[in-house]
Amino acid sequence: MSKPDQDTKAGARPSALLQNLAAIAVQASGAHKMYREARYSRSSGAASAGKRLTSWSCTCGWAGTAKELTVKAGGLGCPSCQAAEGLKSA
């Protein structure tokens, strides 16, 4: 008895399903890497990008530098109205 030729199967191209799965795996690994870095290692804020948040403004109309902000138990506060909710970095 003769065995079927295995050489013909070895030269065959991968199926479209396998090619699609490989493409999905490459994209998923990149997305997971970004998720993992964002969650566990690197911060993605302005300070980590080398920028300094020196200009701040409040809904009460106050605008000034970060040195002028007041530090409270609840976080940073506006030196004019003492509120922390309306602060925005500019």
Protein backbone atom coordinates (compact mmCIF):
# COMPACT_ATOMS: atom_id res chain seq x y z
CA MET A 1 0.00 0.00 0.00
CA SER A 2 1.18 3.48 -0.71
CA LYS A 3 0.84 6.40 1.65
CA PRO A 4 -0.76 9.65 0.47
CA ASP A 5 1.71 12.34 -0.45
CA GLN A 6 2.33 14.58 2.53
CA ASP A 7 4.44 16.93 0.41
CA THR A 8 1.34 18.33 -1.28
CA LYS A 9 -0.18 19.31 2.07
CA ALA A 10 3.03 20.84 3.41
CA GLY A 11 3.18 23.41 0.61
CA ALA A 12 -0.44 24.51 0.98
CA ARG A 13 -1.20 28.07 2.08
CA PRO A 14 -2.86 28.61 5.46
CA SER A 15 -6.60 28.93 5.29
CA ALA A 16 -8.32 32.29 5.38
CA LEU A 17 -9.63 31.46 8.85
CA LEU A 18 -6.12 30.97 10.20
CA GLN A 19 -4.93 34.18 8.56
CA ASN A 20 -7.83 36.11 10.12
CA LEU A 21 -7.14 34.60 13.54
CA ALA A 22 -3.47 35.55 13.28
CA ALA A 23 -4.39 39.14 12.37
CA ILE A 24 -6.81 39.36 15.30
CA ALA A 25 -4.18 37.98 17.67
CA VAL A 26 -1.66 40.62 16.59
CA GLN A 27 -4.17 43.43 17.12
CA ALA A 28 -5.34 42.02 20.44
CA SER A 29 -1.82 41.70 21.79
CA GLY A 30 -1.10 45.34 20.93
CA ALA A 31 -4.33 46.52 22.52
CA HIS A 32 -3.66 44.45 25.61
CA LYS A 33 -0.15 45.89 25.86
CA MET A 34 -1.56 49.43 25.78
CA TYR A 35 -4.14 48.49 28.42
CA ARG A 36 -1.50 46.89 30.64
CA GLU A 37 0.86 49.88 30.39
CA ALA A 38 -1.94 52.34 31.09
CA ARG A 39 -3.19 50.36 34.05
CA TYR A 40 -0.03 49.17 35.74
CA SER A 41 3.02 51.12 34.72
CA ARG A 42 2.82 54.43 32.97
CA SER A 43 0.59 57.33 33.67
CA SER A 44 -0.84 59.15 30.71
CA GLY A 45 -1.43 62.60 32.15
CA ALA A 46 0.08 65.89 31.12
CA ALA A 47 2.76 65.73 33.80
CA SER A 48 4.07 62.41 32.51
CA ALA A 49 4.29 63.88 29.01
CA GLY A 50 6.67 66.56 30.30
CA LYS A 51 4.09 69.33 30.39
CA ARG A 52 3.50 71.47 33.45
CA LEU A 53 0.05 72.51 34.44
CA THR A 54 0.81 76.01 35.61
CA SER A 55 -2.30 77.88 34.54
CA TRP A 56 -5.61 77.21 36.28
CA SER A 57 -9.05 78.79 36.15
CA CYS A 58 -12.24 78.55 38.18
CA THR A 59 -15.92 79.00 37.37
CA CYS A 60 -16.01 81.99 39.74
CA GLY A 61 -13.76 83.89 37.32
CA TRP A 62 -10.41 83.41 39.05
CA ALA A 63 -7.41 82.49 36.89
CA GLY A 64 -3.86 82.02 38.10
CA THR A 65 -0.90 79.74 38.57
CA ALA A 66 -0.71 76.41 40.34
CA LYS A 67 1.26 78.03 43.19
CA GLU A 68 -1.79 80.13 44.08
CA LEU A 69 -4.11 77.12 44.59
CA THR A 70 -4.99 76.22 48.15
CA VAL A 71 -4.55 72.67 49.43
CA LYS A 72 -7.47 71.30 51.41
CA ALA A 73 -8.49 67.90 52.75
CA GLY A 74 -10.69 67.38 49.66
CA GLY A 75 -7.95 68.34 47.19
CA LEU A 76 -6.99 71.60 45.52
CA GLY A 77 -9.17 74.65 46.00
CA CYS A 78 -9.68 78.02 44.38
CA PRO A 79 -8.01 80.80 46.40
CA SER A 80 -10.90 83.15 45.62
CA CYS A 81 -14.03 81.11 46.35
CA GLN A 82 -12.44 78.11 48.13
CA ALA A 83 -14.34 75.66 45.88
CA ALA A 84 -12.67 72.60 44.37
CA GLU A 85 -15.40 71.66 41.89
CA GLY A 86 -14.94 74.45 39.36
CA LEU A 87 -11.18 74.23 38.84
CA LYS A 88 -9.86 73.54 35.35
CA SER A 89 -6.31 73.39 34.07
CA ALA A 90 -5.64 75.60 31.09
